Amino acid sequence: MDAAEALFKPGKKVAAPALERPALPNTKELVSLKIDSDVLAYFQQDGPGWQDRVNDTLRIAMRSKT
């Protein structure tokens, strides 16, 4: 009986280490991001290209931190 129960016990899985991929210049990654609806509306109000405008704004914020 103990041997049978041991077969059904969940085994501990060791997670594989995350692979660090070198960032390629000028590549974009698809991400899911939750932002407030008014912020989204602000960037979308000028039409297509809103994702680039969000990216540009984030880049300015990133550079201002350094």
PDB file of N, CA and C in Angstrom:
ATOM      1  N   MET A   1       0.829  -1.195   0.000  1.00  0.00           N
ATOM      2  CA  MET A   1       0.000   0.000   0.000  1.00  0.00           C
ATOM      3  C   MET A   1       0.869   1.253   0.000  1.00  0.00           C
ATOM      4  N   ASP A   2       1.913   1.296   0.832  1.00  0.00           N
ATOM      5  CA  ASP A   2       2.790   2.470   0.875  1.00  0.00           C
ATOM      6  C   ASP A   2       3.483   2.701  -0.462  1.00  0.00           C
ATOM      7  N   ALA A   3       3.874   1.621  -1.100  1.00  0.00           N
ATOM      8  CA  ALA A   3       4.544   1.742  -2.394  1.00  0.00           C
ATOM      9  C   ALA A   3       3.589   2.323  -3.437  1.00  0.00           C
ATOM     10  N   ALA A   4       2.329   1.901  -3.385  1.00  0.00           N
ATOM     11  CA  ALA A   4       1.336   2.410  -4.334  1.00  0.00           C
ATOM     12  C   ALA A   4       1.076   3.889  -4.097  1.00  0.00           C
ATOM     13  N   GLU A   5       0.976   4.297  -2.826  1.00  0.00           N
ATOM     14  CA  GLU A   5       0.749   5.709  -2.517  1.00  0.00           C
ATOM     15  C   GLU A   5       1.945   6.561  -2.923  1.00  0.00           C
ATOM     16  N   ALA A   6       3.131   6.017  -2.783  1.00  0.00           N
ATOM     17  CA  ALA A   6       4.335   6.756  -3.159  1.00  0.00           C
ATOM     18  C   ALA A   6       4.347   7.067  -4.649  1.00  0.00           C
ATOM     19  N   LEU A   7       3.747   6.192  -5.446  1.00  0.00           N
ATOM     20  CA  LEU A   7       3.699   6.429  -6.893  1.00  0.00           C
ATOM     21  C   LEU A   7       2.829   7.636  -7.248  1.00  0.00           C
ATOM     22  N   PHE A   8       1.845   7.920  -6.415  1.00  0.00           N
ATOM     23  CA  PHE A   8       0.912   8.992  -6.724  1.00  0.00           C
ATOM     24  C   PHE A   8       1.237  10.305  -6.015  1.00  0.00           C
ATOM     25  N   LYS A   9       2.273  10.324  -5.188  1.00  0.00           N
ATOM     26  CA  LYS A   9       2.668  11.562  -4.533  1.00  0.00           C
ATOM     27  C   LYS A   9       3.275  12.495  -5.570  1.00  0.00           C
ATOM     28  N   PRO A  10       2.909  13.756  -5.500  1.00  0.00           N
ATOM     29  CA  PRO A  10       3.492  14.682  -6.486  1.00  0.00           C
ATOM     30  C   PRO A  10       4.997  14.829  -6.264  1.00  0.00           C
ATOM     31  N   GLY A  11       5.705  14.725  -7.327  1.00  0.00           N
ATOM     32  CA  GLY A  11       7.155  14.892  -7.251  1.00  0.00           C
ATOM     33  C   GLY A  11       7.516  16.359  -7.310  1.00  0.00           C
ATOM     34  N   LYS A  12       8.632  16.692  -6.745  1.00  0.00           N
ATOM     35  CA  LYS A  12       9.085  18.079  -6.798  1.00  0.00           C
ATOM     36  C   LYS A  12       9.784  18.314  -8.120  1.00  0.00           C
ATOM     37  N   LYS A  13       9.266  19.266  -8.858  1.00  0.00           N
ATOM     38  CA  LYS A  13       9.882  19.620 -10.134  1.00  0.00           C
ATOM     39  C   LYS A  13      10.757  20.843  -9.924  1.00  0.00           C
ATOM     40  N   VAL A  14      11.915  20.775 -10.438  1.00  0.00           N
ATOM     41  CA  VAL A  14      12.826  21.912 -10.366  1.00  0.00           C
ATOM     42  C   VAL A  14      12.630  22.732 -11.633  1.00  0.00           C
ATOM     43  N   ALA A  15      12.308  23.983 -11.450  1.00  0.00           N
ATOM     44  CA  ALA A  15      12.086  24.862 -12.597  1.00  0.00           C
ATOM     45  C   ALA A  15      13.400  25.108 -13.324  1.00  0.00           C
ATOM     46  N   ALA A  16      13.324  25.059 -14.613  1.00  0.00           N
ATOM     47  CA  ALA A  16      14.503  25.342 -15.420  1.00  0.00           C
ATOM     48  C   ALA A  16      14.852  26.819 -15.273  1.00  0.00           C
ATOM     49  N   PRO A  17      16.116  27.142 -15.201  1.00  0.00           N
ATOM     50  CA  PRO A  17      16.487  28.551 -15.074  1.00  0.00           C
ATOM     51  C   PRO A  17      16.068  29.331 -16.323  1.00  0.00           C
ATOM     52  N   ALA A  18      15.673  30.552 -16.090  1.00  0.00           N
ATOM     53  CA  ALA A  18      15.250  31.408 -17.206  1.00  0.00           C
ATOM     54  C   ALA A  18      16.436  31.679 -18.113  1.00  0.00           C
ATOM     55  N   LEU A  19      16.184  31.596 -19.385  1.00  0.00           N
ATOM     56  CA  LEU A  19      17.249  31.866 -20.347  1.00  0.00           C
ATOM     57  C   LEU A  19      17.315  33.359 -20.595  1.00  0.00           C
ATOM     58  N   GLU A  20      18.485  33.906 -20.451  1.00  0.00           N
ATOM     59  CA  GLU A  20      18.650  35.323 -20.754  1.00  0.00           C
ATOM     60  C   GLU A  20      19.008  35.446 -22.221  1.00  0.00           C
ATOM     61  N   ARG A  21      18.112  36.094 -22.929  1.00  0.00           N
ATOM     62  CA  ARG A  21      18.359  36.308 -24.349  1.00  0.00           C
ATOM     63  C   ARG A  21      18.967  37.686 -24.529  1.00  0.00           C
ATOM     64  N   PRO A  22      19.998  37.781 -25.313  1.00  0.00           N
ATOM     65  CA  PRO A  22      20.557  39.113 -25.548  1.00  0.00           C
ATOM     66  C   PRO A  22      19.540  39.968 -26.309  1.00  0.00           C
ATOM     67  N   ALA A  23      19.419  41.195 -25.881  1.00  0.00           N
ATOM     68  CA  ALA A  23      18.485  42.102 -26.535  1.00  0.00           C
ATOM     69  C   ALA A  23      19.041  42.522 -27.883  1.00  0.00           C
ATOM     70  N   LEU A  24      18.256  42.327 -28.886  1.00  0.00           N
ATOM     71  CA  LEU A  24      18.657  42.761 -30.217  1.00  0.00           C
ATOM     72  C   LEU A  24      18.257  44.213 -30.384  1.00  0.00           C
ATOM     73  N   PRO A  25      19.112  45.018 -30.972  1.00  0.00           N
ATOM     74  CA  PRO A  25      18.763  46.429 -31.143  1.00  0.00           C
ATOM     75  C   PRO A  25      17.553  46.590 -32.062  1.00  0.00           C
ATOM     76  N   ASN A  26      16.726  47.551 -31.712  1.00  0.00           N
ATOM     77  CA  ASN A  26      15.554  47.921 -32.521  1.00  0.00           C
ATOM     78  C   ASN A  26      14.551  46.782 -32.721  1.00  0.00           C
ATOM     79  N   THR A  27      14.445  45.884 -31.738  1.00  0.00           N
ATOM     80  CA  THR A  27      13.410  44.862 -31.812  1.00  0.00           C
ATOM     81  C   THR A  27      12.351  45.182 -30.770  1.00  0.00           C
ATOM     82  N   LYS A  28      11.160  44.770 -31.045  1.00  0.00           N
ATOM     83  CA  LYS A  28      10.059  45.011 -30.120  1.00  0.00           C
ATOM     84  C   LYS A  28       9.517  43.672 -29.667  1.00  0.00           C
ATOM     85  N   GLU A  29       9.035  43.642 -28.431  1.00  0.00           N
ATOM     86  CA  GLU A  29       8.470  42.423 -27.881  1.00  0.00           C
ATOM     87  C   GLU A  29       6.992  42.643 -27.592  1.00  0.00           C
ATOM     88  N   LEU A  30       6.212  41.619 -27.835  1.00  0.00           N
ATOM     89  CA  LEU A  30       4.795  41.662 -27.541  1.00  0.00           C
ATOM     90  C   LEU A  30       4.616  41.431 -26.044  1.00  0.00           C
ATOM     91  N   VAL A  31       3.948  42.361 -25.374  1.00  0.00           N
ATOM     92  CA  VAL A  31       3.700  42.249 -23.937  1.00  0.00           C
ATOM     93  C   VAL A  31       2.237  42.571 -23.651  1.00  0.00           C
ATOM     94  N   SER A  32       1.805  42.146 -22.497  1.00  0.00           N
ATOM     95  CA  SER A  32       0.474  42.509 -22.020  1.00  0.00           C
ATOM     96  C   SER A  32       0.684  43.502 -20.888  1.00  0.00           C
ATOM     97  N   LEU A  33      -0.002  44.626 -20.956  1.00  0.00           N
ATOM     98  CA  LEU A  33       0.220  45.703 -20.002  1.00  0.00           C
ATOM     99  C   LEU A  33      -1.126  46.268 -19.581  1.00  0.00           C
ATOM    100  N   LYS A  34      -1.332  46.378 -18.281  1.00  0.00           N
ATOM    101  CA  LYS A  34      -2.569  46.973 -17.785  1.00  0.00           C
ATOM    102  C   LYS A  34      -2.311  48.438 -17.460  1.00  0.00           C
ATOM    103  N   ILE A  35      -3.060  49.307 -18.126  1.00  0.00           N
ATOM    104  CA  ILE A  35      -2.959  50.737 -17.854  1.00  0.00           C
ATOM    105  C   ILE A  35      -4.377  51.288 -17.687  1.00  0.00           C
ATOM    106  N   ASP A  36      -4.471  52.420 -17.042  1.00  0.00           N
ATOM    107  CA  ASP A  36      -5.783  53.040 -16.836  1.00  0.00           C
ATOM    108  C   ASP A  36      -6.406  53.425 -18.171  1.00  0.00           C
ATOM    109  N   SER A  37      -7.730  53.334 -18.235  1.00  0.00           N
ATOM    110  CA  SER A  37      -8.428  53.590 -19.495  1.00  0.00           C
ATOM    111  C   SER A  37      -8.239  55.027 -19.986  1.00  0.00           C
ATOM    112  N   ASP A  38      -8.122  55.990 -19.059  1.00  0.00           N
ATOM    113  CA  ASP A  38      -7.923  57.376 -19.500  1.00  0.00           C
ATOM    114  C   ASP A  38      -6.533  57.578 -20.091  1.00  0.00           C
ATOM    115  N   VAL A  39      -5.557  56.842 -19.594  1.00  0.00           N
ATOM    116  CA  VAL A  39      -4.205  56.915 -20.154  1.00  0.00           C
ATOM    117  C   VAL A  39      -4.215  56.326 -21.562  1.00  0.00           C
ATOM    118  N   LEU A  40      -4.875  55.204 -21.721  1.00  0.00           N
ATOM    119  CA  LEU A  40      -4.978  54.581 -23.041  1.00  0.00           C
ATOM    120  C   LEU A  40      -5.688  55.516 -24.019  1.00  0.00           C
ATOM    121  N   ALA A  41      -6.782  56.113 -23.578  1.00  0.00           N
ATOM    122  CA  ALA A  41      -7.531  57.035 -24.441  1.00  0.00           C
ATOM    123  C   ALA A  41      -6.665  58.214 -24.860  1.00  0.00           C
ATOM    124  N   TYR A  42      -5.837  58.698 -23.947  1.00  0.00           N
ATOM    125  CA  TYR A  42      -4.952  59.826 -24.257  1.00  0.00           C
ATOM    126  C   TYR A  42      -4.024  59.477 -25.424  1.00  0.00           C
ATOM    127  N   PHE A  43      -3.413  58.307 -25.369  1.00  0.00           N
ATOM    128  CA  PHE A  43      -2.476  57.928 -26.429  1.00  0.00           C
ATOM    129  C   PHE A  43      -3.185  57.552 -27.722  1.00  0.00           C
ATOM    130  N   GLN A  44      -4.412  57.051 -27.621  1.00  0.00           N
ATOM    131  CA  GLN A  44      -5.139  56.637 -28.817  1.00  0.00           C
ATOM    132  C   GLN A  44      -5.859  57.788 -29.511  1.00  0.00           C
ATOM    133  N   GLN A  45      -6.004  58.926 -28.849  1.00  0.00           N
ATOM    134  CA  GLN A  45      -6.800  60.016 -29.421  1.00  0.00           C
ATOM    135  C   GLN A  45      -6.231  60.567 -30.723  1.00  0.00           C
ATOM    136  N   ASP A  46      -4.937  60.410 -30.950  1.00  0.00           N
ATOM    137  CA  ASP A  46      -4.345  60.900 -32.193  1.00  0.00           C
ATOM    138  C   ASP A  46      -4.307  59.835 -33.278  1.00  0.00           C
ATOM    139  N   GLY A  47      -4.966  58.694 -33.044  1.00  0.00           N
ATOM    140  CA  GLY A  47      -5.085  57.663 -34.072  1.00  0.00           C
ATOM    141  C   GLY A  47      -3.935  56.671 -34.085  1.00  0.00           C
ATOM    142  N   PRO A  48      -3.755  56.031 -35.246  1.00  0.00           N
ATOM    143  CA  PRO A  48      -2.732  54.995 -35.367  1.00  0.00           C
ATOM    144  C   PRO A  48      -1.339  55.506 -34.958  1.00  0.00           C
ATOM    145  N   GLY A  49      -0.561  54.588 -34.428  1.00  0.00           N
ATOM    146  CA  GLY A  49       0.770  54.943 -33.951  1.00  0.00           C
ATOM    147  C   GLY A  49       0.798  55.150 -32.454  1.00  0.00           C
ATOM    148  N   TRP A  50      -0.331  54.896 -31.797  1.00  0.00           N
ATOM    149  CA  TRP A  50      -0.392  55.143 -30.352  1.00  0.00           C
ATOM    150  C   TRP A  50       0.579  54.278 -29.579  1.00  0.00           C
ATOM    151  N   GLN A  51       0.817  53.048 -30.043  1.00  0.00           N
ATOM    152  CA  GLN A  51       1.763  52.172 -29.334  1.00  0.00           C
ATOM    153  C   GLN A  51       3.179  52.740 -29.408  1.00  0.00           C
ATOM    154  N   ASP A  52       3.526  53.324 -30.552  1.00  0.00           N
ATOM    155  CA  ASP A  52       4.838  53.965 -30.673  1.00  0.00           C
ATOM    156  C   ASP A  52       4.933  55.177 -29.749  1.00  0.00           C
ATOM    157  N   ARG A  53       3.829  55.914 -29.607  1.00  0.00           N
ATOM    158  CA  ARG A  53       3.834  57.066 -28.704  1.00  0.00           C
ATOM    159  C   ARG A  53       4.006  56.629 -27.248  1.00  0.00           C
ATOM    160  N   VAL A  54       3.357  55.533 -26.876  1.00  0.00           N
ATOM    161  CA  VAL A  54       3.542  54.995 -25.524  1.00  0.00           C
ATOM    162  C   VAL A  54       4.998  54.600 -25.335  1.00  0.00           C
ATOM    163  N   ASN A  55       5.573  53.923 -26.322  1.00  0.00           N
ATOM    164  CA  ASN A  55       6.966  53.489 -26.246  1.00  0.00           C
ATOM    165  C   ASN A  55       7.902  54.688 -26.117  1.00  0.00           C
ATOM    166  N   ASP A  56       7.653  55.727 -26.920  1.00  0.00           N
ATOM    167  CA  ASP A  56       8.493  56.923 -26.867  1.00  0.00           C
ATOM    168  C   ASP A  56       8.419  57.596 -25.493  1.00  0.00           C
ATOM    169  N   THR A  57       7.213  57.659 -24.937  1.00  0.00           N
ATOM    170  CA  THR A  57       7.038  58.267 -23.617  1.00  0.00           C
ATOM    171  C   THR A  57       7.747  57.462 -22.542  1.00  0.00           C
ATOM    172  N   LEU A  58       7.653  56.131 -22.626  1.00  0.00           N
ATOM    173  CA  LEU A  58       8.351  55.279 -21.660  1.00  0.00           C
ATOM    174  C   LEU A  58       9.866  55.416 -21.794  1.00  0.00           C
ATOM    175  N   ARG A  59      10.345  55.566 -23.033  1.00  0.00           N
ATOM    176  CA  ARG A  59      11.787  55.738 -23.242  1.00  0.00           C
ATOM    177  C   ARG A  59      12.271  57.053 -22.616  1.00  0.00           C
ATOM    178  N   ILE A  60      11.506  58.118 -22.773  1.00  0.00           N
ATOM    179  CA  ILE A  60      11.863  59.407 -22.173  1.00  0.00           C
ATOM    180  C   ILE A  60      11.906  59.260 -20.655  1.00  0.00           C
ATOM    181  N   ALA A  61      10.908  58.591 -20.078  1.00  0.00           N
ATOM    182  CA  ALA A  61      10.896  58.375 -18.628  1.00  0.00           C
ATOM    183  C   ALA A  61      12.090  57.548 -18.194  1.00  0.00           C
ATOM    184  N   MET A  62      12.435  56.529 -18.971  1.00  0.00           N
ATOM    185  CA  MET A  62      13.579  55.669 -18.657  1.00  0.00           C
ATOM    186  C   MET A  62      14.889  56.476 -18.679  1.00  0.00           C
ATOM    187  N   ARG A  63      15.039  57.308 -19.694  1.00  0.00           N
ATOM    188  CA  ARG A  63      16.278  58.086 -19.824  1.00  0.00           C
ATOM    189  C   ARG A  63      16.379  59.172 -18.751  1.00  0.00           C
ATOM    190  N   SER A  64      15.246  59.667 -18.288  1.00  0.00           N
ATOM    191  CA  SER A  64      15.284  60.721 -17.268  1.00  0.00           C
ATOM    192  C   SER A  64      15.698  60.167 -15.908  1.00  0.00           C
ATOM    193  N   LYS A  65      15.628  58.871 -15.740  1.00  0.00           N
ATOM    194  CA  LYS A  65      16.030  58.233 -14.477  1.00  0.00           C
ATOM    195  C   LYS A  65      17.543  58.074 -14.377  1.00  0.00           C
ATOM    196  N   THR A  66      18.230  58.148 -15.489  1.00  0.00           N
ATOM    197  CA  THR A  66      19.691  57.941 -15.467  1.00  0.00           C
ATOM    198  C   THR A  66      20.437  59.258 -15.441  1.00  0.00           C
TER     199      THR A  66
END
